[in-house]
Amino acid sequence: MTKKIRTITRLSAAVLAAVVAAGCEATKSETPTSPNVAGPIAGIGITAPGVKSPTHGNNISNTEPLRLTWEQSTTNGVRSLWYSVEMAVDREFAQRVYFNPKVLPSEGQQMSLVVDAKLDADRTYYWRVRAEDGANSSEYSSVAHFDLVVPVFLGAPTPYGPTGGETLTTRSVRLTVDNGSVQGRPGDIEIVFLVSTNEPFTNIVWTVRTLRSETGRTALTTPELAASTIFYWRAYATSGATTSAPSATQSFRTGAAAAPGPGGGGGGGGGLPPAPGGNFRTPDPAAGQRLPLPGYGASVVQQIASQFPNALRNSCQDDGGTWEFLDRVVDALRQYDTRWGYNGKRGNGNDPSKDVVDYHYGRGTSENSTDVYIIDVIGGHCGGNPSAGWGDVTDVTINSGTIGRWIGRGRF
């Protein structure tokens, strides 16, 4: 009998302890700031964080710490907030590669976190964040994404030909380079060719850029250059944001000028063909076709630069210079073909380019036509040592999302 009473007594004490503990726990759960609060608290609202960076598919270099930044949340409750952050390689977050369940807030409106995970480069990542207080949580932020990329590096092109002062039989030269190496995601790459009369490249007579060929080798043909002359050339690669080192410098000698035909006529000196003069205009091409860019232009610009060096030196209109040099170039070109004119910068007929001429290759009236070759005729314009040049920038202009427009600048 005594044994039974002791057993009942022990059982009653255990039940009483459990009841008391349950009562204390229930009291804790009704306290908003209790760490053991049970379930969401009614009436509490937490705003969703606002992602700041990186977003919109930004390219983030994998050599820099990856920092996520967002606008902090607000709450009408009394409990402290923290943030949970997750990152995945898919928008649905089924393949999560990073998760931080509790990022404590900082002072100020913005919050940032350096991700301490090892992430693979050259792929897209998605991330989102939400605020929590242990009982309630906000909605997730909008999903942001970015590309983790290897830094862009462009290796210098290697001259393929002509090299070593080779003497050519022609005055129009095919310049060829082997493309340099590429690292990262540079986008479109262009190869820029430069031809100069001296090795320091202080007198560039021709420069043009073209899209890098996918064949591994990129080439361009110059217009006719001065006869029996040594020229130096080199090239570099550029993506706009990143530029390679220049290639090694190479040289060549152009072919001799063609002998004048019966009856003489030097053709303007240095092999420059005679200008028809008057108002000669090359007939329109067939529908859907375009006229080729004439080959005499570079020689005309060189001739004007030799005859009027002061006009070239004083050609920066933005620095008190004049239009004399460009006007003389256009006038000389129009002696060959009245398809030559000025260029409306970015297609604006009221804003003439100050170092560029146009050749109308299409059909119909030239004025206001956008069917034009766009030629830069002054190297280093507004620099310390401007030089006569001949750079076909037609493709570059179009690839940049803009156009040229033929104008007469009120002169014709």
Protein backbone atom coordinates (compact mmCIF):
# COMPACT_ATOMS: atom_id res chain seq x y z
CA MET A 1 0.00 0.00 0.00
CA THR A 2 2.80 2.41 0.90
CA LYS A 3 4.53 1.63 -2.40
CA LYS A 4 1.38 2.51 -4.40
CA ILE A 5 0.93 5.83 -2.59
CA ARG A 6 4.55 6.80 -3.35
CA THR A 7 4.08 5.93 -7.01
CA ILE A 8 0.91 8.06 -7.30
CA THR A 9 2.63 10.91 -5.50
CA ARG A 10 5.56 10.87 -7.94
CA LEU A 11 3.18 10.80 -10.92
CA SER A 12 1.16 13.75 -9.61
CA ALA A 13 4.30 15.79 -9.13
CA ALA A 14 5.40 15.11 -12.72
CA VAL A 15 2.02 16.10 -14.09
CA LEU A 16 2.03 19.30 -12.03
CA ALA A 17 5.52 20.23 -13.30
CA ALA A 18 4.43 19.71 -16.89
CA VAL A 19 1.34 21.90 -16.36
CA VAL A 20 3.42 24.67 -14.83
CA ALA A 21 6.00 24.51 -17.65
CA ALA A 22 3.26 24.65 -20.26
CA GLY A 23 1.80 27.71 -18.55
CA CYS A 24 5.15 29.50 -18.57
CA GLU A 25 5.71 28.64 -22.27
CA ALA A 26 2.27 29.96 -23.15
CA THR A 27 3.13 33.19 -21.35
CA LYS A 28 6.38 33.49 -23.36
CA SER A 29 4.61 33.00 -26.68
CA GLU A 30 2.31 35.95 -25.98
CA THR A 31 5.27 38.33 -25.54
CA PRO A 32 6.09 39.95 -28.97
CA THR A 33 9.80 40.23 -28.31
CA SER A 34 10.17 36.71 -26.96
CA PRO A 35 12.56 34.54 -28.96
CA ASN A 36 10.05 31.71 -28.50
CA VAL A 37 7.02 33.54 -29.83
CA ALA A 38 4.72 31.04 -31.49
CA GLY A 39 3.75 31.68 -35.12
CA PRO A 40 3.13 34.94 -37.03
CA ILE A 41 1.91 37.89 -34.97
CA ALA A 42 -1.32 39.33 -36.31
CA GLY A 43 -1.20 42.85 -37.72
CA ILE A 44 2.56 42.90 -38.31
CA GLY A 45 3.74 44.02 -41.75
CA ILE A 46 7.29 43.90 -43.14
CA THR A 47 8.12 45.52 -46.47
CA ALA A 48 10.06 43.51 -49.05
CA PRO A 49 13.70 44.51 -49.55
CA GLY A 50 14.54 46.28 -52.82
CA VAL A 51 17.46 44.83 -54.76
CA LYS A 52 20.03 47.43 -55.87
CA SER A 53 23.06 45.67 -57.33
CA PRO A 54 24.08 43.68 -59.19
CA THR A 55 20.99 43.59 -61.42
CA HIS A 56 19.87 43.61 -65.05
CA GLY A 57 22.47 41.10 -66.19
CA ASN A 58 25.45 43.24 -65.12
CA ASN A 59 28.86 41.75 -65.85
CA ILE A 60 30.72 41.24 -62.59
CA SER A 61 34.42 40.39 -62.68
CA ASN A 62 35.36 37.23 -60.84
CA THR A 63 38.51 38.94 -59.56
CA GLU A 64 36.50 41.32 -57.37
CA PRO A 65 34.58 40.45 -54.16
CA LEU A 66 30.95 39.78 -55.02
CA ARG A 67 28.88 42.29 -53.06
CA LEU A 68 25.06 42.18 -53.02
CA THR A 69 23.28 45.41 -52.10
CA TRP A 70 19.63 46.03 -51.28
CA GLU A 71 17.30 48.60 -49.73
CA GLN A 72 16.47 47.67 -46.16
CA SER A 73 12.97 46.67 -45.08
CA THR A 74 10.71 48.41 -42.58
CA THR A 75 8.29 46.92 -40.06
CA ASN A 76 5.47 48.14 -37.85
CA GLY A 77 6.39 45.53 -35.24
CA VAL A 78 8.76 45.72 -32.27
CA ARG A 79 10.90 42.73 -33.18
CA SER A 80 14.34 43.18 -34.76
CA LEU A 81 14.73 42.26 -38.41
CA TRP A 82 17.37 40.23 -40.20
CA TYR A 83 17.69 39.04 -43.79
CA SER A 84 17.93 35.70 -45.52
CA VAL A 85 19.76 35.73 -48.86
CA GLU A 86 19.83 33.02 -51.49
CA MET A 87 21.50 32.64 -54.86
CA ALA A 88 20.96 30.06 -57.58
CA VAL A 89 21.85 29.28 -61.19
CA ASP A 90 18.17 29.17 -62.18
CA ARG A 91 15.35 31.69 -61.76
CA GLU A 92 13.23 29.17 -59.82
CA PHE A 93 16.02 28.68 -57.21
CA ALA A 94 15.85 24.90 -57.59
CA GLN A 95 19.66 24.80 -57.93
CA ARG A 96 20.76 26.95 -55.04
CA VAL A 97 24.50 27.66 -54.78
CA TYR A 98 24.51 30.02 -51.80
CA PHE A 99 22.30 30.62 -48.78
CA ASN A 100 22.78 32.86 -45.75
CA PRO A 101 19.83 32.48 -43.38
CA LYS A 102 20.61 35.38 -41.05
CA VAL A 103 22.30 38.59 -42.17
CA LEU A 104 22.02 41.22 -39.45
CA PRO A 105 21.06 44.72 -40.63
CA SER A 106 23.41 47.69 -40.64
CA GLU A 107 22.86 51.42 -40.14
CA GLY A 108 21.35 53.38 -43.02
CA GLN A 109 18.85 52.65 -45.74
CA GLN A 110 21.00 50.23 -47.73
CA MET A 111 22.41 46.88 -46.76
CA SER A 112 25.20 44.92 -48.42
CA LEU A 113 26.70 41.47 -48.12
CA VAL A 114 29.95 40.05 -49.47
CA VAL A 115 29.25 36.54 -50.73
CA ASP A 116 31.76 34.09 -49.29
CA ALA A 117 31.00 31.23 -51.69
CA LYS A 118 33.15 29.81 -54.50
CA LEU A 119 31.26 30.49 -57.73
CA ASP A 120 32.06 29.36 -61.25
CA ALA A 121 32.83 32.14 -63.74
CA ASP A 122 31.19 32.63 -67.12
CA ARG A 123 27.67 31.86 -66.02
CA THR A 124 24.52 33.67 -64.93
CA TYR A 125 23.41 33.82 -61.29
CA TYR A 126 20.05 34.79 -59.75
CA TRP A 127 19.60 36.19 -56.24
CA ARG A 128 16.87 37.41 -53.93
CA VAL A 129 16.47 38.46 -50.31
CA ARG A 130 13.69 38.70 -47.75
CA ALA A 131 13.37 40.15 -44.24
CA GLU A 132 12.41 38.11 -41.19
CA ASP A 133 11.86 38.73 -37.48
CA GLY A 134 11.52 35.15 -36.22
CA ALA A 135 7.75 35.24 -36.29
CA ASN A 136 6.88 37.12 -39.46
CA SER A 137 8.63 37.55 -42.79
CA SER A 138 8.34 39.83 -45.81
CA GLU A 139 7.73 38.81 -49.39
CA TYR A 140 10.89 38.04 -51.36
CA SER A 141 12.48 40.89 -53.23
CA SER A 142 12.29 40.84 -56.99
CA VAL A 143 14.72 38.35 -58.54
CA ALA A 144 17.93 39.99 -59.78
CA HIS A 145 20.52 38.40 -62.05
CA PHE A 146 24.08 39.04 -63.12
CA ASP A 147 26.87 37.37 -65.09
CA LEU A 148 30.07 36.46 -63.30
CA VAL A 149 32.77 36.89 -65.93
CA VAL A 150 36.49 36.60 -66.44
CA PRO A 151 38.08 40.07 -66.93
CA VAL A 152 38.37 41.04 -70.59
CA PHE A 153 41.86 40.92 -72.07
CA LEU A 154 42.75 41.48 -75.72
CA GLY A 155 46.12 40.33 -77.01
CA ALA A 156 47.89 42.43 -79.62
CA PRO A 157 47.49 41.38 -83.27
CA THR A 158 50.56 40.06 -85.11
CA PRO A 159 51.40 41.58 -88.53
CA TYR A 160 51.24 38.97 -91.28
CA GLY A 161 52.05 41.14 -94.26
CA PRO A 162 53.51 43.14 -95.81
CA THR A 163 56.57 43.16 -93.55
CA GLY A 164 60.26 44.01 -93.50
CA GLY A 165 60.17 46.98 -95.87
CA GLU A 166 58.91 44.82 -98.74
CA THR A 167 58.70 46.66 -102.06
CA LEU A 168 55.29 46.24 -103.65
CA THR A 169 54.15 46.55 -107.23
CA THR A 170 50.99 48.47 -106.32
CA ARG A 171 50.12 51.59 -104.37
CA SER A 172 47.00 50.05 -102.84
CA VAL A 173 48.15 47.68 -100.10
CA ARG A 174 46.49 44.67 -98.48
CA LEU A 175 47.32 44.81 -94.74
CA THR A 176 46.85 41.54 -92.87
CA VAL A 177 47.21 40.58 -89.20
CA ASP A 178 46.82 37.41 -87.21
CA ASN A 179 44.23 38.10 -84.53
CA GLY A 180 45.45 38.31 -80.96
CA SER A 181 44.14 36.25 -78.06
CA VAL A 182 40.83 37.05 -76.33
CA GLN A 183 39.90 36.45 -72.70
CA GLY A 184 36.49 37.04 -71.16
CA ARG A 185 33.38 38.36 -72.88
CA PRO A 186 34.40 41.48 -74.78
CA GLY A 187 31.50 41.61 -77.22
CA ASP A 188 32.29 42.80 -80.73
CA ILE A 189 36.01 43.32 -81.39
CA GLU A 190 37.41 45.61 -84.04
CA ILE A 191 40.90 45.68 -85.52
CA VAL A 192 42.20 49.21 -86.11
CA PHE A 193 44.86 49.65 -88.82
CA LEU A 194 47.15 52.69 -88.96
CA VAL A 195 49.51 53.74 -91.76
CA SER A 196 52.07 56.52 -91.25
CA THR A 197 54.94 58.12 -93.12
CA ASN A 198 57.14 57.81 -90.03
CA GLU A 199 57.81 55.15 -87.43
CA PRO A 200 56.66 57.21 -84.40
CA PHE A 201 53.25 57.51 -86.10
CA THR A 202 53.08 61.27 -85.74
CA ASN A 203 51.98 61.61 -89.37
CA ILE A 204 49.21 59.06 -89.87
CA VAL A 205 47.94 59.15 -93.45
CA TRP A 206 45.34 56.42 -93.22
CA THR A 207 43.47 54.67 -90.44
CA VAL A 208 40.38 52.50 -90.48
CA ARG A 209 38.79 49.84 -88.32
CA THR A 210 36.94 46.69 -89.20
CA LEU A 211 35.29 43.86 -87.30
CA ARG A 212 37.70 41.16 -86.24
CA SER A 213 37.41 38.20 -88.58
CA GLU A 214 36.36 34.86 -87.10
CA THR A 215 38.84 33.08 -89.38
CA GLY A 216 41.77 34.04 -87.15
CA ARG A 217 43.18 36.56 -89.63
CA THR A 218 41.86 40.06 -90.42
CA ALA A 219 42.73 42.13 -93.49
CA LEU A 220 41.94 45.47 -95.13
CA THR A 221 43.06 47.14 -98.34
CA THR A 222 44.24 50.74 -98.28
CA PRO A 223 43.33 53.29 -100.95
CA GLU A 224 46.14 54.26 -103.30
CA LEU A 225 49.03 55.76 -101.35
CA ALA A 226 51.85 57.97 -102.56
CA ALA A 227 54.07 56.20 -105.10
CA SER A 228 57.55 54.80 -104.31
CA THR A 229 57.26 55.75 -100.64
CA ILE A 230 58.12 53.86 -97.46
CA PHE A 231 55.15 53.58 -95.10
CA TYR A 232 54.94 52.16 -91.59
CA TRP A 233 51.91 50.29 -90.30
CA ARG A 234 50.59 48.62 -87.20
CA ALA A 235 47.27 47.54 -85.72
CA TYR A 236 45.51 47.05 -82.42
CA ALA A 237 42.30 45.39 -81.22
CA THR A 238 39.53 47.13 -79.33
CA SER A 239 36.13 46.28 -77.89
CA GLY A 240 35.41 49.89 -77.02
CA ALA A 241 35.89 49.36 -73.29
CA THR A 242 39.17 47.43 -73.64
CA THR A 243 42.05 48.01 -76.05
CA SER A 244 45.03 45.79 -76.76
CA ALA A 245 48.62 46.88 -76.98
CA PRO A 246 49.64 47.85 -80.53
CA SER A 247 51.16 45.24 -82.76
CA ALA A 248 54.79 45.38 -83.76
CA THR A 249 55.44 48.02 -86.42
CA GLN A 250 56.10 46.84 -89.97
CA SER A 251 56.92 48.71 -93.18
CA PHE A 252 56.55 48.50 -96.94
CA ARG A 253 57.42 50.54 -100.02
CA THR A 254 54.64 51.33 -102.47
CA GLY A 255 54.96 50.70 -106.17
CA ALA A 256 56.04 53.34 -108.65
CA ALA A 257 53.58 55.71 -110.26
CA ALA A 258 52.15 54.58 -113.56
CA ALA A 259 53.90 56.09 -116.55
CA PRO A 260 51.86 58.84 -118.20
CA GLY A 261 50.14 57.82 -121.39
CA PRO A 262 50.79 59.34 -124.79
CA GLY A 263 50.32 63.07 -124.78
CA GLY A 264 51.66 63.51 -121.21
CA GLY A 265 49.52 64.83 -118.38
CA GLY A 266 50.93 64.17 -114.95
CA GLY A 267 47.51 63.72 -113.38
CA GLY A 268 48.07 66.02 -110.41
CA GLY A 269 51.49 64.75 -109.32
CA GLY A 270 52.38 61.61 -107.39
CA GLY A 271 50.14 59.49 -109.60
CA LEU A 272 46.97 61.42 -108.72
CA PRO A 273 44.57 60.98 -111.66
CA PRO A 274 43.40 64.09 -113.49
CA ALA A 275 40.14 65.55 -112.24
CA PRO A 276 37.35 65.90 -114.78
CA GLY A 277 36.38 69.24 -113.20
CA GLY A 278 33.13 70.99 -113.87
CA ASN A 279 30.09 69.33 -112.34
CA PHE A 280 30.91 65.70 -113.12
CA ARG A 281 28.79 63.23 -111.16
CA THR A 282 29.15 59.47 -111.35
CA PRO A 283 25.87 58.02 -112.67
CA ASP A 284 23.54 56.32 -110.22
CA PRO A 285 24.12 52.63 -109.50
CA ALA A 286 21.54 50.01 -110.39
CA ALA A 287 18.63 49.66 -107.99
CA GLY A 288 19.72 47.89 -104.81
CA GLN A 289 23.42 48.45 -105.57
CA ARG A 290 25.98 50.96 -104.31
CA LEU A 291 28.90 52.70 -105.96
CA PRO A 292 32.40 51.73 -104.75
CA LEU A 293 34.41 54.21 -102.72
CA PRO A 294 36.78 56.01 -105.15
CA GLY A 295 40.47 55.22 -104.69
CA TYR A 296 41.92 58.70 -105.20
CA GLY A 297 40.64 60.30 -101.99
CA ALA A 298 43.66 59.72 -99.74
CA SER A 299 45.98 61.22 -102.34
CA VAL A 300 43.76 64.30 -102.68
CA VAL A 301 43.84 64.87 -98.91
CA GLN A 302 47.63 64.44 -98.86
CA GLN A 303 48.00 66.93 -101.67
CA ILE A 304 45.87 69.58 -99.91
CA ALA A 305 47.82 69.00 -96.68
CA SER A 306 51.11 69.55 -98.53
CA GLN A 307 49.87 72.71 -100.23
CA PHE A 308 48.15 74.22 -97.18
CA PRO A 309 49.94 73.00 -94.03
CA ASN A 310 48.87 76.03 -92.00
CA ALA A 311 45.23 75.37 -92.79
CA LEU A 312 45.65 71.82 -91.46
CA ARG A 313 47.36 73.02 -88.29
CA ASN A 314 44.56 75.55 -87.76
CA SER A 315 41.69 73.16 -88.50
CA CYS A 316 40.27 72.77 -84.97
CA GLN A 317 37.15 74.93 -85.15
CA ASP A 318 36.37 74.31 -81.47
CA ASP A 319 39.64 75.97 -80.52
CA GLY A 320 39.44 79.06 -82.70
CA GLY A 321 40.45 77.33 -85.93
CA THR A 322 38.78 77.57 -89.33
CA TRP A 323 37.03 75.41 -91.90
CA GLU A 324 39.65 76.22 -94.54
CA PHE A 325 41.35 72.82 -94.66
CA LEU A 326 38.13 70.79 -94.77
CA ASP A 327 36.59 73.17 -97.30
CA ARG A 328 39.64 72.83 -99.55
CA VAL A 329 39.52 69.03 -99.28
CA VAL A 330 35.83 68.91 -100.16
CA ASP A 331 36.30 71.35 -103.06
CA ALA A 332 39.21 69.29 -104.42
CA LEU A 333 37.26 66.04 -104.15
CA ARG A 334 34.28 67.61 -105.91
CA GLN A 335 36.53 68.34 -108.88
CA TYR A 336 36.47 64.54 -109.36
CA ASP A 337 32.85 63.88 -108.42
CA THR A 338 30.09 66.09 -107.01
CA ARG A 339 28.94 63.12 -104.96
CA TRP A 340 31.48 64.33 -102.38
CA GLY A 341 30.19 66.56 -99.59
CA TYR A 342 30.11 67.16 -95.85
CA ASN A 343 28.69 64.90 -93.16
CA GLY A 344 25.83 65.63 -90.79
CA LYS A 345 27.06 64.28 -87.47
CA ARG A 346 24.96 61.34 -86.25
CA GLY A 347 22.52 62.09 -89.05
CA ASN A 348 21.88 65.66 -87.90
CA GLY A 349 21.98 67.91 -90.94
CA ASN A 350 22.36 70.98 -88.71
CA ASP A 351 25.51 69.68 -87.01
CA PRO A 352 28.27 69.23 -89.61
CA SER A 353 31.22 67.01 -88.74
CA LYS A 354 34.41 69.07 -88.56
CA ASP A 355 36.91 66.47 -89.79
CA VAL A 356 34.77 64.13 -91.90
CA VAL A 357 33.58 64.04 -95.54
CA ASP A 358 30.87 61.93 -97.18
CA TYR A 359 30.58 60.21 -100.54
CA HIS A 360 27.02 59.51 -101.73
CA TYR A 361 27.00 55.96 -103.09
CA GLY A 362 23.28 55.63 -103.73
CA ARG A 363 20.65 56.78 -106.17
CA GLY A 364 18.93 60.14 -106.44
CA THR A 365 19.75 63.50 -104.87
CA SER A 366 22.76 63.65 -102.56
CA GLU A 367 21.43 66.30 -100.16
CA ASN A 368 20.21 64.68 -96.90
CA SER A 369 20.90 61.16 -98.17
CA THR A 370 22.09 58.62 -95.61
CA ASP A 371 23.48 56.34 -98.33
CA VAL A 372 27.02 57.54 -97.72
CA TYR A 373 30.58 56.44 -97.08
CA ILE A 374 31.85 58.34 -94.04
CA ILE A 375 35.54 59.27 -94.22
CA ASP A 376 37.67 60.83 -91.47
CA VAL A 377 40.27 63.05 -93.19
CA ILE A 378 42.11 64.59 -90.23
CA GLY A 379 44.09 62.41 -87.84
CA GLY A 380 44.40 63.77 -84.31
CA HIS A 381 41.99 66.59 -85.02
CA CYS A 382 42.17 69.22 -82.25
CA GLY A 383 45.30 67.51 -80.93
CA GLY A 384 48.78 68.93 -80.81
CA ASN A 385 49.80 67.63 -84.24
CA PRO A 386 46.86 67.10 -86.64
CA SER A 387 47.69 65.16 -89.78
CA ALA A 388 46.10 64.37 -93.12
CA GLY A 389 44.28 61.05 -92.91
CA TRP A 390 41.89 58.77 -94.72
CA GLY A 391 39.88 56.58 -92.40
CA ASP A 392 36.71 54.85 -93.58
CA VAL A 393 34.49 54.93 -90.49
CA THR A 394 31.27 53.94 -92.26
CA ASP A 395 30.92 50.52 -90.62
CA VAL A 396 32.01 51.80 -87.23
CA THR A 397 29.34 54.51 -87.37
CA ILE A 398 26.60 52.08 -88.36
CA ASN A 399 27.69 49.48 -85.79
CA SER A 400 27.49 52.12 -83.07
CA GLY A 401 23.79 52.58 -83.87
CA THR A 402 24.01 55.90 -85.68
CA ILE A 403 24.23 57.18 -89.27
CA GLY A 404 25.86 59.74 -91.51
CA ARG A 405 23.98 62.24 -93.64
CA TRP A 406 25.21 64.03 -96.78
CA ILE A 407 24.98 67.83 -96.50
CA GLY A 408 26.36 70.76 -98.44
CA ARG A 409 26.82 72.97 -95.37
CA GLY A 410 25.19 75.80 -97.30
CA ARG A 411 28.09 75.96 -99.76
CA PHE A 412 26.51 74.03 -102.65
